[in-house]
Amino acid sequence: VYAVTHAWSPPAVVPQLRLRSVLQRLAEERGRYWLHEKLALLDKQAAQTIDPRNLRRTIRALEVIFSTGQPFSAQRRQGFSPYRLFTIGLSRPRPQLYARIDARIEAMFASGLLDETRHLLEQGYSPDLPSLSAIGYRQCVAVLQGKISLEEAKAQMRRLTRAFVRRQANWFKPGDATIHWFDLTTTPVEDIEAAIRAFLAEESSPATTVASVKETGVAG
């Protein structure tokens, strides 16, 4: 989303599946932090902008470097954004957010997440696909493979989703002047809608108007 709204052009390098497999295996054998250190040796600027825990982005950066012989950071270009942005941040205390996460996970399984995953595997989709490595699918695959129990899958999903919330809170900071923050425990939805309508009613701009929404948690 950020790349689109801020006109960042990613390197035009098609996926190198064999290379990705090698890098993935190295990460499994030596750790994602080891792989990130190798990225730092090749492209310090890229390493500074990529979280060492984000293995997928680390692998992508190395993939581009090895494929082109050029630093990953030198191949990202920012152009002129055609959008006039109104970014909304929605916050609520962590305990409330965690409770909603737990309820959502239970609802996902009640709605057939495990059966959906089983159907995808039966259709021939590989469990190694990036889409099936997302939180939820990954744990369901492990359940269907007999590696973990259903309760362990739910526990992993709760833990990983909460960690994701904490990363979001670090990325989308309350002090960011480009984000209009609303506390969902004290702000009526009507007030948020009014803010959006006021933005849309402003003098028209030659650029396209986009309202984006980000929700994160705050320490409770």
Foldseek 3Di string as FASTA:
>chain_A
DCCQQQVKDFAPDDDDVVQLVVLVVCCVVPNLLVLLVVLCVVAVVLSVVDDSVPSVSSSVQVRVCVVPVDGRVVRIDTDDGLEDEAEAEEEEAPVVVLVVQLVVLVVCVVVPLLVVLVVCVVVPDDCPDPVCCDQSSVLSVCCVVVNDPPVVSSVVSSVVVSVVLVVLCVVDDPPPPRYHYDYPVPDDPVVVVVVVVVVVPPDDDSGHYDYHYHYHYDHD
